[in-house]
Amino acid sequence: MSFDGKVIAAADSSKLFANLDKLTTFENMSNFDTSNVTIMSGIFSRLIALTSLDVSHFDTSKVTDVTDMFKLDSLLSTITLVEKWMEVW
C-alpha cells in the first residue's frame, strides 16, 4: 500500500488496515497524518504477510488506545517506533 499524497487518518482509526492478509509493505507512510488519532486499536492487526513496519513519523500525542495494535501479525519482526512512543502510554 502506498500513500502517494497526504492522507488524514480519522480520530478512530481502529482496525483501519486490519485483515489485509496479502499486504506485504506500506510505502510513503510519512504521508499518513495521525495527528488527530485517538484510537489505534487493532489498526495493523492480522496483517499476516507484513514483515516490517516503520511508524517512526506517527504523531501519537492524542492516542489513548493501542489495544491489539499488532495482534496476529505473525511475520512482523521489525517495527520502527516513534522516539517517544512509551511516553504516550
N, C-alpha and C. Protein backbone atom coordinates (compact mmCIF):
# COMPACT_ATOMS: atom_id res chain seq x y z
N MET A 1 0.85 -1.16 0.00
CA MET A 1 0.00 0.00 0.00
C MET A 1 0.90 1.23 0.00
N SER A 2 0.57 2.18 -0.84
CA SER A 2 1.39 3.38 -0.95
C SER A 2 0.54 4.63 -0.72
N PHE A 3 1.05 5.51 0.10
CA PHE A 3 0.41 6.79 0.36
C PHE A 3 1.12 7.83 -0.51
N ASP A 4 0.61 8.05 -1.70
CA ASP A 4 1.28 8.92 -2.66
C ASP A 4 0.98 10.40 -2.45
N GLY A 5 0.01 10.69 -1.63
CA GLY A 5 -0.32 12.06 -1.24
C GLY A 5 -0.74 12.05 0.21
N LYS A 6 -0.98 13.23 0.78
CA LYS A 6 -1.34 13.31 2.20
C LYS A 6 -2.69 12.64 2.45
N VAL A 7 -2.72 11.78 3.47
CA VAL A 7 -3.93 11.10 3.91
C VAL A 7 -4.10 11.40 5.39
N ILE A 8 -5.24 11.95 5.75
CA ILE A 8 -5.50 12.29 7.14
C ILE A 8 -6.33 11.18 7.77
N ALA A 9 -5.78 10.57 8.80
CA ALA A 9 -6.46 9.47 9.48
C ALA A 9 -7.59 9.99 10.36
N ALA A 10 -8.62 9.20 10.48
CA ALA A 10 -9.76 9.53 11.34
C ALA A 10 -9.35 9.41 12.80
N ALA A 11 -10.05 10.12 13.67
CA ALA A 11 -9.76 10.06 15.10
C ALA A 11 -9.85 8.61 15.59
N ASP A 12 -10.87 7.91 15.15
CA ASP A 12 -10.99 6.48 15.47
C ASP A 12 -10.49 5.70 14.26
N SER A 13 -9.26 5.31 14.30
CA SER A 13 -8.64 4.55 13.21
C SER A 13 -8.51 3.07 13.57
N SER A 14 -9.34 2.62 14.50
CA SER A 14 -9.27 1.22 14.91
C SER A 14 -9.55 0.30 13.72
N LYS A 15 -8.73 -0.72 13.61
CA LYS A 15 -8.84 -1.75 12.58
C LYS A 15 -8.79 -1.21 11.15
N LEU A 16 -8.21 -0.04 10.97
CA LEU A 16 -8.18 0.60 9.65
C LEU A 16 -7.54 -0.28 8.58
N PHE A 17 -6.45 -0.93 8.91
CA PHE A 17 -5.75 -1.78 7.93
C PHE A 17 -5.87 -3.26 8.28
N ALA A 18 -6.70 -3.60 9.23
CA ALA A 18 -6.83 -4.98 9.70
C ALA A 18 -7.28 -5.92 8.59
N ASN A 19 -6.77 -7.14 8.67
CA ASN A 19 -7.19 -8.24 7.81
C ASN A 19 -6.79 -8.10 6.34
N LEU A 20 -5.83 -7.26 6.04
CA LEU A 20 -5.32 -7.18 4.66
C LEU A 20 -4.24 -8.25 4.53
N ASP A 21 -4.66 -9.48 4.40
CA ASP A 21 -3.75 -10.61 4.55
C ASP A 21 -2.72 -10.77 3.44
N LYS A 22 -2.83 -10.05 2.35
CA LYS A 22 -1.83 -10.12 1.29
C LYS A 22 -0.89 -8.90 1.27
N LEU A 23 -1.15 -7.96 2.17
CA LEU A 23 -0.33 -6.75 2.24
C LEU A 23 1.06 -7.07 2.77
N THR A 24 2.08 -6.73 2.01
CA THR A 24 3.46 -7.02 2.42
C THR A 24 4.24 -5.77 2.82
N THR A 25 3.77 -4.61 2.40
CA THR A 25 4.54 -3.38 2.70
C THR A 25 3.64 -2.15 2.68
N PHE A 26 4.08 -1.15 3.44
CA PHE A 26 3.50 0.19 3.38
C PHE A 26 4.58 1.10 2.83
N GLU A 27 4.24 1.93 1.86
CA GLU A 27 5.19 2.88 1.30
C GLU A 27 4.70 4.30 1.54
N ASN A 28 5.64 5.21 1.72
CA ASN A 28 5.35 6.63 1.91
C ASN A 28 4.44 6.88 3.11
N MET A 29 4.67 6.13 4.18
CA MET A 29 3.84 6.30 5.38
C MET A 29 3.99 7.69 6.00
N SER A 30 5.00 8.43 5.62
CA SER A 30 5.14 9.80 6.12
C SER A 30 4.00 10.68 5.63
N ASN A 31 3.28 10.25 4.61
CA ASN A 31 2.11 10.99 4.12
C ASN A 31 0.84 10.66 4.90
N PHE A 32 0.93 9.72 5.83
CA PHE A 32 -0.22 9.31 6.63
C PHE A 32 -0.23 10.13 7.92
N ASP A 33 -1.13 11.11 7.99
CA ASP A 33 -1.20 12.07 9.10
C ASP A 33 -2.03 11.50 10.25
N THR A 34 -1.38 11.21 11.36
CA THR A 34 -2.05 10.65 12.53
C THR A 34 -2.23 11.66 13.66
N SER A 35 -2.08 12.92 13.37
CA SER A 35 -2.07 13.94 14.42
C SER A 35 -3.40 14.06 15.18
N ASN A 36 -4.50 13.61 14.61
CA ASN A 36 -5.79 13.70 15.30
C ASN A 36 -6.32 12.34 15.76
N VAL A 37 -5.52 11.31 15.62
CA VAL A 37 -5.96 9.97 16.00
C VAL A 37 -5.95 9.80 17.52
N THR A 38 -7.03 9.26 18.05
CA THR A 38 -7.11 8.95 19.48
C THR A 38 -7.17 7.44 19.70
N ILE A 39 -7.70 6.70 18.73
CA ILE A 39 -7.84 5.25 18.88
C ILE A 39 -7.12 4.53 17.74
N MET A 40 -6.12 3.73 18.10
CA MET A 40 -5.39 2.92 17.13
C MET A 40 -5.58 1.43 17.41
N SER A 41 -6.58 1.09 18.14
CA SER A 41 -6.83 -0.30 18.50
C SER A 41 -6.94 -1.17 17.24
N GLY A 42 -6.09 -2.18 17.15
CA GLY A 42 -6.14 -3.11 16.04
C GLY A 42 -5.81 -2.55 14.67
N ILE A 43 -5.25 -1.35 14.60
CA ILE A 43 -5.02 -0.69 13.32
C ILE A 43 -4.21 -1.54 12.34
N PHE A 44 -3.25 -2.30 12.85
CA PHE A 44 -2.42 -3.15 11.99
C PHE A 44 -2.63 -4.63 12.28
N SER A 45 -3.73 -5.01 12.88
CA SER A 45 -3.93 -6.40 13.27
C SER A 45 -4.22 -7.31 12.08
N ARG A 46 -3.75 -8.54 12.21
CA ARG A 46 -3.96 -9.61 11.23
C ARG A 46 -3.40 -9.28 9.85
N LEU A 47 -2.26 -8.61 9.82
CA LEU A 47 -1.54 -8.38 8.56
C LEU A 47 -0.52 -9.50 8.45
N ILE A 48 -0.97 -10.66 8.07
CA ILE A 48 -0.17 -11.88 8.19
C ILE A 48 1.02 -11.95 7.23
N ALA A 49 1.08 -11.09 6.21
CA ALA A 49 2.21 -11.11 5.28
C ALA A 49 3.21 -9.99 5.54
N LEU A 50 2.88 -9.07 6.43
CA LEU A 50 3.74 -7.92 6.71
C LEU A 50 4.93 -8.35 7.57
N THR A 51 6.14 -7.98 7.15
CA THR A 51 7.34 -8.37 7.89
C THR A 51 8.00 -7.20 8.62
N SER A 52 7.79 -5.97 8.15
CA SER A 52 8.37 -4.81 8.83
C SER A 52 7.44 -3.61 8.68
N LEU A 53 7.57 -2.69 9.62
CA LEU A 53 6.69 -1.52 9.63
C LEU A 53 7.44 -0.36 10.27
N ASP A 54 7.39 0.79 9.62
CA ASP A 54 8.03 2.00 10.14
C ASP A 54 6.94 3.02 10.47
N VAL A 55 6.70 3.22 11.75
CA VAL A 55 5.73 4.22 12.20
C VAL A 55 6.43 5.34 12.98
N SER A 56 7.70 5.53 12.68
CA SER A 56 8.52 6.50 13.42
C SER A 56 8.07 7.94 13.22
N HIS A 57 7.32 8.21 12.21
CA HIS A 57 6.85 9.57 11.95
C HIS A 57 5.47 9.82 12.54
N PHE A 58 4.82 8.80 13.10
CA PHE A 58 3.46 8.96 13.63
C PHE A 58 3.44 9.99 14.76
N ASP A 59 2.44 10.85 14.73
CA ASP A 59 2.17 11.76 15.84
C ASP A 59 1.16 11.05 16.73
N THR A 60 1.63 10.55 17.86
CA THR A 60 0.76 9.79 18.77
C THR A 60 0.35 10.59 20.00
N SER A 61 0.47 11.90 19.92
CA SER A 61 0.23 12.75 21.09
C SER A 61 -1.21 12.69 21.60
N LYS A 62 -2.17 12.32 20.76
CA LYS A 62 -3.57 12.25 21.19
C LYS A 62 -4.07 10.82 21.36
N VAL A 63 -3.24 9.85 21.07
CA VAL A 63 -3.66 8.45 21.13
C VAL A 63 -3.83 7.98 22.58
N THR A 64 -4.97 7.33 22.83
CA THR A 64 -5.26 6.81 24.17
C THR A 64 -5.48 5.30 24.18
N ASP A 65 -5.64 4.69 23.00
CA ASP A 65 -5.93 3.26 22.95
C ASP A 65 -5.13 2.59 21.83
N VAL A 66 -4.26 1.66 22.20
CA VAL A 66 -3.48 0.89 21.23
C VAL A 66 -3.70 -0.62 21.42
N THR A 67 -4.81 -0.97 22.01
CA THR A 67 -5.12 -2.37 22.26
C THR A 67 -5.03 -3.19 20.97
N ASP A 68 -4.33 -4.31 21.04
CA ASP A 68 -4.24 -5.25 19.91
C ASP A 68 -3.74 -4.60 18.61
N MET A 69 -2.94 -3.58 18.73
CA MET A 69 -2.47 -2.84 17.55
C MET A 69 -1.77 -3.73 16.52
N PHE A 70 -1.00 -4.71 16.99
CA PHE A 70 -0.26 -5.61 16.10
C PHE A 70 -0.69 -7.07 16.28
N LYS A 71 -1.88 -7.29 16.72
CA LYS A 71 -2.37 -8.64 17.05
C LYS A 71 -2.34 -9.55 15.82
N LEU A 72 -1.80 -10.74 16.00
CA LEU A 72 -1.74 -11.79 14.99
C LEU A 72 -0.93 -11.41 13.75
N ASP A 73 0.03 -10.51 13.91
CA ASP A 73 0.96 -10.18 12.82
C ASP A 73 2.15 -11.13 12.93
N SER A 74 1.93 -12.36 12.55
CA SER A 74 2.88 -13.43 12.84
C SER A 74 4.24 -13.28 12.17
N LEU A 75 4.33 -12.60 11.05
CA LEU A 75 5.62 -12.42 10.37
C LEU A 75 6.27 -11.08 10.66
N LEU A 76 5.58 -10.21 11.37
CA LEU A 76 6.10 -8.87 11.66
C LEU A 76 7.25 -8.99 12.65
N SER A 77 8.46 -8.77 12.16
CA SER A 77 9.65 -8.93 13.02
C SER A 77 10.35 -7.62 13.31
N THR A 78 10.07 -6.56 12.55
CA THR A 78 10.72 -5.27 12.76
C THR A 78 9.68 -4.16 12.77
N ILE A 79 9.67 -3.41 13.88
CA ILE A 79 8.79 -2.24 13.98
C ILE A 79 9.65 -1.06 14.41
N THR A 80 9.65 -0.02 13.61
CA THR A 80 10.37 1.20 13.96
C THR A 80 9.34 2.17 14.54
N LEU A 81 9.52 2.49 15.82
CA LEU A 81 8.53 3.30 16.54
C LEU A 81 8.94 4.76 16.67
N VAL A 82 7.97 5.57 17.04
CA VAL A 82 8.18 6.97 17.38
C VAL A 82 9.17 7.02 18.54
N GLU A 83 10.07 7.98 18.54
CA GLU A 83 11.08 8.08 19.58
C GLU A 83 10.49 8.10 20.98
N LYS A 84 9.40 8.81 21.17
CA LYS A 84 8.80 8.95 22.49
C LYS A 84 7.55 8.09 22.64
N TRP A 85 7.51 6.98 21.95
CA TRP A 85 6.35 6.09 21.94
C TRP A 85 5.87 5.73 23.34
N MET A 86 6.77 5.29 24.18
CA MET A 86 6.39 4.82 25.51
C MET A 86 5.91 5.94 26.41
N GLU A 87 6.25 7.17 26.13
CA GLU A 87 5.81 8.28 26.95
C GLU A 87 4.32 8.56 26.74
N VAL A 88 3.78 8.12 25.63
CA VAL A 88 2.39 8.37 25.31
C VAL A 88 1.47 7.55 26.21
N TRP A 89 1.90 6.30 26.50
CA TRP A 89 1.04 5.41 27.29
C TRP A 89 1.67 5.13 28.59
